[in-house]
Amino acid sequence: MRYRRLNPPQRTLFGPDLSNPSPRAVQGLIASIEGARDTDFLRTASEARELAASVFQLTQGEVVILPFLEEAAAEVICSSLLPATARVVVSSCGTYGQRLASAARRLGHAVTLTEAAPGEAVAPSTLIEVVHSTRPDAVLLIHGEGSTGVLQPMDGVGEACRRVGALLLVDASFTLSGVDLRTSAWEIDAAWSGTQRCLSAVAGLTLVALGPRALERLAPGPSSALHLSRALSGDYEAFPAPLLYALVEVLQLCNDQGLAYRFSRHRNRQMALIAGLQALGLEIVAAPAVRLPSVTVARVPAGVDGEGVRRALLDRFRLEIGGPMDATLGPVWRIGVMGHSAAPANILLLCSALEVLLEEQGCQVHRGAAARAALAVLEW
C-alpha cells in the first residue's frame, strides 16, 4: 500500500458550511485528553453548557451538547419532544427549510408547509395566521436560511405559539453567535446549532438550548445518544473530548468579546462584502430587509461559468465559496462570512480575486473598484 503524509493545503473558507477554526479552537484540539468521568472533564462540560446558554441568550432552561452534526438534530429534538402523531407547521425560505419539513415527515408528523418566495422571508403575520388556524403541536423554522441568504424575522411568533400550546423549534445553525438570537425573550422553546460556522470551533458537535416548556414536554426515552434525555443526564461516555475543548475555547472568546461586538462585526463584514460584489455588478438574491449577515447569495452573471470561477478561486487563490443549492434560484454563489474567516483582509482578497476572474471571463469591471468599495465600509 502506498500513501503520503496528510498535508491539506491552507484554505480561506468562505463557503456557507464551515469557517476557519479560531486559533483558540485549535489550541483546544491539542489539549490533553481526559476520560468522560474525570471530574475535570465534567467541570469543563458544565462550563461549556453554561457559556453556551449565554450565547443563546437563554435565561431559563438548559443547554445540552450532542456528539454529532446538526443535520441530525432536528429529528432528535422532534422525536424527544413530540409524539409521532404531532401536527407541525414548517416555515421555509429555501432548501434548509424544505429539509426541516422532510425530517418532520420522516418522523410521521403531519406537516403544514408555509413557503416564502425566493429571496424573501415568510412574513411573521402570515406565519402567525397559520399557527392560529391550524393550532399545531409545534412550529419549526430556520432562523438563517443558508441556501438563499435570508434571515427569518420572528416578531410575535413565539407568543402566537404559546396561545395555542405549540412549541417553537428553531434551527440557528447559520446565526448562533453571529446574529442576534434571543431564545428566552422571543419565547423559543428549543434552538440548535452546530459549532463550525459563526462560532469558528470545529464540526462534530451540536448545541441545543431547551426552554422550560420544552423541558416539561421532554418524553421519557431510551438510553440512547439520539434522545435528549441522555444528554440532559450529563452522560458523556465516549464523548469527543478534543471537540469539547475547542468549543469551550471559542465560547470563552465569545464571552470575552461580548455578543454585541460579534453581531456588529458580522453585519459590518456582510455589508463590506455586498459593497464589493455590487461594485462588480453582481445581484444579491435576498431582499435588503431580510439579508442574513452570515451568508450572502449572489447571482452568477450571464455568460459566466460559475463553477469554473469557484474552481479558480480554490486552485489559484485558495479561497472556497459555495455553489447553488436551491434550483429555483439558478446559478448562484453562496458566500459565508462567518467567525474567524471574516477578517477584513480576507474579504478584500475575495473581492479582488473575483474581480480578476470575472474580467478573465469577459465581464466589464473597473479594476480595484470592488476592493475599494469593501474597504470604504469595513471597520477594522
Protein backbone atom coordinates (compact mmCIF):
# COMPACT_ATOMS: atom_id res chain seq x y z
CA MET A 1 0.00 0.00 0.00
CA ARG A 2 1.36 3.40 -0.99
CA TYR A 3 0.48 6.59 0.79
CA ARG A 4 1.81 10.02 1.55
CA ARG A 5 1.72 12.18 4.63
CA LEU A 6 -1.54 14.01 5.11
CA ASN A 7 -0.87 17.66 4.36
CA PRO A 8 -4.07 19.51 3.28
CA PRO A 9 -3.41 22.93 1.73
CA GLN A 10 -4.31 26.02 3.67
CA ARG A 11 -7.66 27.47 2.56
CA THR A 12 -9.67 30.53 3.48
CA LEU A 13 -13.16 29.13 3.96
CA PHE A 14 -15.87 31.40 2.59
CA GLY A 15 -18.31 28.57 1.96
CA PRO A 16 -21.61 28.51 3.87
CA ASP A 17 -20.87 25.32 5.81
CA LEU A 18 -17.56 25.96 7.57
CA SER A 19 -15.45 28.85 8.79
CA ASN A 20 -11.74 28.63 9.51
CA PRO A 21 -11.25 27.44 13.09
CA SER A 22 -10.27 30.11 15.55
CA PRO A 23 -6.72 29.77 16.92
CA ARG A 24 -8.42 29.30 20.28
CA ALA A 25 -10.26 26.27 18.89
CA VAL A 26 -7.02 24.82 17.53
CA GLN A 27 -5.48 25.26 20.98
CA GLY A 28 -8.33 23.27 22.45
CA LEU A 29 -7.86 20.46 19.93
CA ILE A 30 -4.33 19.75 21.12
CA ALA A 31 -5.11 19.79 24.86
CA SER A 32 -4.51 16.63 26.89
CA ILE A 33 -7.34 14.09 26.71
CA GLU A 34 -9.34 13.26 29.83
CA GLY A 35 -11.78 10.46 30.49
CA ALA A 36 -15.52 11.10 30.29
CA ARG A 37 -15.92 10.56 34.04
CA ASP A 38 -12.91 12.61 35.06
CA THR A 39 -14.09 15.36 37.40
CA ASP A 40 -12.09 17.96 35.47
CA PHE A 41 -13.70 16.87 32.20
CA LEU A 42 -17.15 17.08 33.77
CA ARG A 43 -16.35 20.56 35.04
CA THR A 44 -15.31 21.58 31.52
CA ALA A 45 -18.54 20.16 30.06
CA SER A 46 -20.62 22.06 32.63
CA GLU A 47 -18.73 25.25 31.81
CA ALA A 48 -19.45 24.74 28.10
CA ARG A 49 -23.16 24.37 28.76
CA GLU A 50 -23.22 27.48 30.94
CA LEU A 51 -21.29 29.59 28.43
CA ALA A 52 -23.46 28.33 25.57
CA ALA A 53 -26.59 29.39 27.45
CA SER A 54 -25.32 32.97 27.44
CA VAL A 55 -24.64 32.81 23.68
CA PHE A 56 -28.19 31.54 23.10
CA GLN A 57 -29.40 34.33 25.45
CA LEU A 58 -31.21 31.62 27.41
CA THR A 59 -32.21 32.86 30.86
CA GLN A 60 -34.30 29.84 31.89
CA GLY A 61 -33.73 26.28 30.82
CA GLU A 62 -30.81 24.06 29.91
CA VAL A 63 -28.25 23.67 27.13
CA VAL A 64 -27.14 20.21 26.08
CA ILE A 65 -24.27 19.18 23.82
CA LEU A 66 -24.86 16.41 21.31
CA PRO A 67 -21.88 14.48 19.87
CA PHE A 68 -22.95 14.70 16.22
CA LEU A 69 -23.58 17.19 13.42
CA GLU A 70 -26.60 19.49 13.41
CA GLU A 71 -28.10 17.70 10.39
CA ALA A 72 -29.39 15.05 12.80
CA ALA A 73 -30.52 17.48 15.48
CA ALA A 74 -33.98 18.28 14.09
CA GLU A 75 -35.07 14.64 14.18
CA VAL A 76 -33.55 14.09 17.63
CA ILE A 77 -35.30 17.15 19.03
CA CYS A 78 -38.67 16.42 17.42
CA SER A 79 -38.64 12.76 18.46
CA SER A 80 -37.69 13.75 22.01
CA LEU A 81 -40.31 16.49 22.39
CA LEU A 82 -43.22 15.48 20.16
CA PRO A 83 -45.39 12.40 19.69
CA ALA A 84 -45.18 10.64 16.33
CA THR A 85 -48.71 11.86 15.54
CA ALA A 86 -47.80 15.53 16.06
CA ARG A 87 -49.04 18.22 13.71
CA VAL A 88 -46.34 20.75 12.84
CA VAL A 89 -46.05 23.94 10.84
CA VAL A 90 -42.75 24.40 8.99
CA SER A 91 -41.73 27.84 7.77
CA SER A 92 -39.43 27.62 4.73
CA CYS A 93 -37.33 30.25 2.94
CA GLY A 94 -35.30 27.74 0.93
CA THR A 95 -33.65 24.33 0.83
CA TYR A 96 -32.84 24.07 4.52
CA GLY A 97 -36.47 24.77 5.37
CA GLN A 98 -37.51 22.03 2.95
CA ARG A 99 -35.10 19.66 4.67
CA LEU A 100 -36.66 20.54 8.00
CA ALA A 101 -40.07 19.61 6.61
CA SER A 102 -38.68 16.33 5.28
CA ALA A 103 -37.22 15.48 8.68
CA ALA A 104 -40.62 16.05 10.31
CA ARG A 105 -42.33 13.85 7.72
CA ARG A 106 -39.82 11.04 8.29
CA LEU A 107 -40.91 11.01 11.92
CA GLY A 108 -44.55 10.65 10.88
CA HIS A 109 -45.58 14.22 11.71
CA ALA A 110 -48.35 15.88 9.70
CA VAL A 111 -46.67 18.89 8.10
CA THR A 112 -48.21 22.20 7.04
CA LEU A 113 -45.59 23.96 4.93
CA THR A 114 -45.51 27.76 4.70
CA GLU A 115 -43.13 28.93 1.98
CA ALA A 116 -41.63 32.27 1.02
CA ALA A 117 -40.84 33.49 -2.48
CA PRO A 118 -37.18 33.14 -3.48
CA GLY A 119 -35.07 35.73 -1.69
CA GLU A 120 -37.86 36.63 0.72
CA ALA A 121 -38.77 35.59 4.28
CA VAL A 122 -42.14 34.34 5.45
CA ALA A 123 -43.92 37.34 6.91
CA PRO A 124 -44.37 36.83 10.66
CA SER A 125 -48.02 37.88 10.30
CA THR A 126 -48.55 35.11 7.74
CA LEU A 127 -46.93 32.54 9.98
CA ILE A 128 -48.99 33.71 12.97
CA GLU A 129 -52.21 33.34 10.94
CA VAL A 130 -51.25 29.78 10.01
CA VAL A 131 -50.50 28.98 13.65
CA HIS A 132 -53.88 30.32 14.78
CA SER A 133 -55.78 28.48 12.04
CA THR A 134 -54.04 25.08 12.31
CA ARG A 135 -53.26 25.03 16.08
CA PRO A 136 -50.23 22.76 15.62
CA ASP A 137 -48.20 20.94 18.26
CA ALA A 138 -45.05 22.72 17.09
CA VAL A 139 -43.70 25.33 14.69
CA LEU A 140 -40.32 24.65 13.05
CA LEU A 141 -38.30 27.29 11.26
CA ILE A 142 -34.80 28.15 10.06
CA HIS A 143 -33.57 31.40 11.61
CA GLY A 144 -30.96 31.90 8.86
CA GLU A 145 -31.55 30.19 5.50
CA GLY A 146 -28.16 29.24 4.10
CA SER A 147 -29.39 28.42 0.59
CA THR A 148 -30.86 31.87 -0.14
CA GLY A 149 -29.12 34.15 2.37
CA VAL A 150 -32.40 35.11 4.07
CA LEU A 151 -32.85 35.97 7.76
CA GLN A 152 -36.28 34.91 9.02
CA PRO A 153 -37.96 37.51 11.31
CA MET A 154 -39.78 36.03 14.30
CA ASP A 155 -41.74 39.00 15.65
CA GLY A 156 -44.68 37.69 17.67
CA VAL A 157 -44.28 34.07 16.55
CA GLY A 158 -43.30 32.79 19.99
CA GLU A 159 -46.27 34.49 21.60
CA ALA A 160 -48.62 33.04 18.97
CA CYS A 161 -47.25 29.55 19.63
CA ARG A 162 -47.90 29.93 23.34
CA ARG A 163 -51.51 30.96 22.75
CA VAL A 164 -52.26 27.67 21.01
CA GLY A 165 -49.96 25.49 23.13
CA ALA A 166 -47.42 24.88 20.36
CA LEU A 167 -43.66 24.59 20.80
CA LEU A 168 -41.41 26.90 18.78
CA LEU A 169 -38.37 24.97 17.50
CA VAL A 170 -35.66 26.97 15.71
CA ASP A 171 -32.63 25.90 13.68
CA ALA A 172 -29.99 28.55 14.42
CA SER A 173 -27.11 26.85 12.59
CA PHE A 174 -26.30 29.92 10.49
CA THR A 175 -26.85 32.52 13.19
CA LEU A 176 -25.65 31.41 16.64
CA SER A 177 -23.08 33.93 17.95
CA GLY A 178 -23.12 35.90 14.68
CA VAL A 179 -26.71 37.19 14.57
CA ASP A 180 -28.95 38.27 17.42
CA LEU A 181 -30.86 35.24 18.73
CA ARG A 182 -32.89 35.93 21.89
CA THR A 183 -34.02 32.47 22.82
CA SER A 184 -35.86 33.37 26.02
CA ALA A 185 -37.07 36.85 25.08
CA TRP A 186 -38.51 35.55 21.79
CA GLU A 187 -40.17 32.62 23.58
CA ILE A 188 -38.27 29.98 21.63
CA ASP A 189 -38.69 26.57 23.23
CA ALA A 190 -35.76 24.83 21.55
CA ALA A 191 -32.95 26.16 19.37
CA TRP A 192 -29.96 24.33 17.99
CA SER A 193 -26.75 24.91 16.07
CA GLY A 194 -23.51 23.26 15.10
CA THR A 195 -20.25 24.80 16.25
CA GLN A 196 -18.35 25.29 12.99
CA ARG A 197 -19.88 28.42 11.45
CA CYS A 198 -20.10 31.73 13.32
CA LEU A 199 -18.55 30.21 16.45
CA SER A 200 -15.48 29.02 14.48
CA ALA A 201 -14.96 25.88 16.53
CA VAL A 202 -14.86 22.63 14.52
CA ALA A 203 -17.62 20.46 13.11
CA GLY A 204 -18.88 17.48 15.08
CA LEU A 205 -20.96 18.85 17.95
CA THR A 206 -24.45 20.35 18.20
CA LEU A 207 -25.62 22.76 20.89
CA VAL A 208 -29.29 22.61 21.88
CA ALA A 209 -30.98 25.23 24.07
CA LEU A 210 -34.14 24.00 25.81
CA GLY A 211 -36.58 26.36 27.46
CA PRO A 212 -38.86 25.45 30.39
CA ARG A 213 -41.78 24.32 28.20
CA ALA A 214 -39.54 22.02 26.19
CA LEU A 215 -38.12 20.52 29.35
CA GLU A 216 -41.66 19.90 30.64
CA ARG A 217 -42.58 18.10 27.43
CA LEU A 218 -39.45 16.01 27.17
CA ALA A 219 -40.78 12.50 26.75
CA PRO A 220 -39.06 9.65 28.59
CA GLY A 221 -36.82 7.90 26.12
CA PRO A 222 -34.33 5.10 25.75
CA SER A 223 -30.76 5.39 26.97
CA SER A 224 -29.68 6.46 23.52
CA ALA A 225 -27.37 9.15 22.18
CA LEU A 226 -30.30 10.01 19.87
CA HIS A 227 -32.54 11.19 22.70
CA LEU A 228 -32.24 14.47 24.61
CA SER A 229 -32.85 12.84 27.99
CA ARG A 230 -29.44 11.17 27.86
CA ALA A 231 -27.70 14.45 27.03
CA LEU A 232 -29.51 16.17 29.91
CA SER A 233 -28.31 13.48 32.33
CA GLY A 234 -24.71 14.50 31.76
CA ASP A 235 -23.68 11.15 30.29
CA TYR A 236 -20.55 11.85 28.22
CA GLU A 237 -19.47 8.27 27.56
CA ALA A 238 -17.10 8.14 24.56
CA PHE A 239 -17.61 11.89 24.04
CA PRO A 240 -15.12 13.53 21.62
CA ALA A 241 -13.12 15.44 24.22
CA PRO A 242 -10.96 17.49 21.79
CA LEU A 243 -14.10 18.92 20.17
CA LEU A 244 -15.42 19.90 23.59
CA TYR A 245 -12.15 21.64 24.49
CA ALA A 246 -12.23 23.54 21.18
CA LEU A 247 -15.82 24.54 21.88
CA VAL A 248 -15.03 25.82 25.38
CA GLU A 249 -12.20 27.95 24.00
CA VAL A 250 -14.43 29.71 21.45
CA LEU A 251 -17.29 30.10 23.94
CA GLN A 252 -14.88 31.79 26.33
CA LEU A 253 -13.82 34.04 23.45
CA CYS A 254 -17.49 34.92 22.79
CA ASN A 255 -17.90 35.81 26.43
CA ASP A 256 -14.75 37.96 26.38
CA GLN A 257 -15.76 39.81 23.20
CA GLY A 258 -19.45 40.20 24.04
CA LEU A 259 -22.36 39.38 21.77
CA ALA A 260 -22.99 42.96 20.72
CA TYR A 261 -19.49 43.16 19.24
CA ARG A 262 -19.86 39.84 17.43
CA PHE A 263 -23.22 40.79 15.95
CA SER A 264 -21.97 44.17 14.71
CA ARG A 265 -18.77 42.58 13.35
CA HIS A 266 -20.70 40.04 11.26
CA ARG A 267 -23.08 42.73 9.99
CA ASN A 268 -20.21 45.01 9.02
CA ARG A 269 -18.37 42.25 7.15
CA GLN A 270 -21.57 41.37 5.29
CA MET A 271 -22.10 44.99 4.27
CA ALA A 272 -18.49 45.25 3.07
CA LEU A 273 -18.80 42.07 1.03
CA ILE A 274 -22.06 43.22 -0.56
CA ALA A 275 -20.49 46.59 -1.42
CA GLY A 276 -17.66 44.77 -3.18
CA LEU A 277 -19.96 42.38 -5.02
CA GLN A 278 -22.24 45.17 -6.19
CA ALA A 279 -19.22 47.11 -7.44
CA LEU A 280 -18.65 44.08 -9.70
CA GLY A 281 -22.24 44.29 -10.91
CA LEU A 282 -23.47 41.23 -9.03
CA GLU A 283 -27.09 40.92 -7.90
CA ILE A 284 -27.79 39.85 -4.32
CA VAL A 285 -30.61 37.30 -4.05
CA ALA A 286 -32.04 38.23 -0.65
CA ALA A 287 -34.19 41.33 -0.31
CA PRO A 288 -32.34 44.08 1.60
CA ALA A 289 -34.64 43.95 4.64
CA VAL A 290 -34.05 40.24 5.25
CA ARG A 291 -30.40 39.70 4.35
CA LEU A 292 -28.62 37.17 6.53
CA PRO A 293 -25.31 38.58 7.88
CA SER A 294 -23.52 35.23 7.83
CA VAL A 295 -24.32 34.06 4.26
CA THR A 296 -24.65 36.22 1.15
CA VAL A 297 -26.01 34.67 -2.05
CA ALA A 298 -25.16 36.41 -5.33
CA ARG A 299 -26.33 35.56 -8.84
CA VAL A 300 -23.68 34.44 -11.33
CA PRO A 301 -23.60 36.97 -14.22
CA ALA A 302 -24.95 35.80 -17.57
CA GLY A 303 -22.29 34.13 -19.66
CA VAL A 304 -20.00 33.42 -16.71
CA ASP A 305 -19.02 29.85 -15.80
CA GLY A 306 -19.95 29.92 -12.11
CA GLU A 307 -18.40 26.56 -11.30
CA GLY A 308 -15.26 27.48 -13.23
CA VAL A 309 -14.88 30.63 -11.13
CA ARG A 310 -15.32 28.59 -7.95
CA ARG A 311 -12.61 26.16 -9.05
CA ALA A 312 -10.27 29.00 -9.96
CA LEU A 313 -10.82 30.67 -6.58
CA LEU A 314 -9.86 27.41 -4.90
CA ASP A 315 -6.93 26.44 -7.14
CA ARG A 316 -5.36 29.84 -7.71
CA PHE A 317 -6.31 31.84 -4.62
CA ARG A 318 -7.05 29.10 -2.06
CA LEU A 319 -10.46 30.65 -1.42
CA GLU A 320 -13.54 28.44 -1.06
CA ILE A 321 -17.07 29.65 -1.75
CA GLY A 322 -20.27 27.65 -2.14
CA GLY A 323 -22.38 26.88 -5.17
CA PRO A 324 -26.15 26.66 -5.67
CA MET A 325 -28.47 24.52 -3.54
CA ASP A 326 -31.91 25.86 -4.45
CA ALA A 327 -32.77 25.03 -8.08
CA THR A 328 -35.31 27.87 -8.24
CA LEU A 329 -32.53 30.45 -7.95
CA GLY A 330 -30.48 29.35 -10.96
CA PRO A 331 -26.67 29.77 -10.91
CA VAL A 332 -25.54 31.49 -7.71
CA TRP A 333 -22.54 31.77 -5.44
CA ARG A 334 -23.12 31.28 -1.72
CA ILE A 335 -20.53 33.14 0.33
CA GLY A 336 -20.23 32.61 4.07
CA VAL A 337 -18.77 35.47 6.10
CA MET A 338 -18.51 33.86 9.48
CA GLY A 339 -16.37 33.83 12.56
CA HIS A 340 -12.61 33.67 12.10
CA SER A 341 -12.89 33.69 8.30
CA ALA A 342 -14.49 37.15 8.35
CA ALA A 343 -11.21 39.07 8.71
CA PRO A 344 -11.11 42.31 6.68
CA ALA A 345 -8.03 41.19 4.72
CA ASN A 346 -9.83 38.00 3.67
CA ILE A 347 -12.82 39.95 2.36
CA LEU A 348 -10.56 42.29 0.37
CA LEU A 349 -8.75 39.28 -1.13
CA LEU A 350 -12.04 37.65 -2.14
CA CYS A 351 -13.34 40.81 -3.79
CA SER A 352 -10.07 41.29 -5.69
CA ALA A 353 -9.89 37.65 -6.78
CA LEU A 354 -13.48 37.71 -8.05
CA GLU A 355 -12.70 40.89 -9.98
CA VAL A 356 -9.72 39.23 -11.71
CA LEU A 357 -11.67 36.10 -12.59
CA LEU A 358 -14.73 37.96 -13.86
CA GLU A 359 -12.55 40.12 -16.09
CA GLU A 360 -10.96 36.95 -17.47
CA GLN A 361 -14.46 35.71 -18.31
CA GLY A 362 -15.17 38.82 -20.34
CA CYS A 363 -17.06 40.92 -17.79
CA GLN A 364 -16.59 44.68 -17.79
CA VAL A 365 -15.03 45.61 -14.44
CA HIS A 366 -13.33 48.69 -13.05
CA ARG A 367 -10.04 47.45 -11.69
CA GLY A 368 -9.74 47.94 -7.96
CA ALA A 369 -13.36 49.07 -7.57
CA ALA A 370 -14.53 46.01 -5.63
CA ALA A 371 -11.79 46.20 -3.01
CA ARG A 372 -12.19 49.97 -2.68
CA ALA A 373 -15.95 49.62 -2.19
CA ALA A 374 -15.47 46.98 0.51
CA LEU A 375 -12.68 48.97 2.15
CA ALA A 376 -14.92 52.02 2.43
CA VAL A 377 -17.34 50.02 4.56
CA LEU A 378 -15.01 47.85 6.64
CA GLU A 379 -14.50 48.66 10.30
CA TRP A 380 -11.05 47.48 11.37
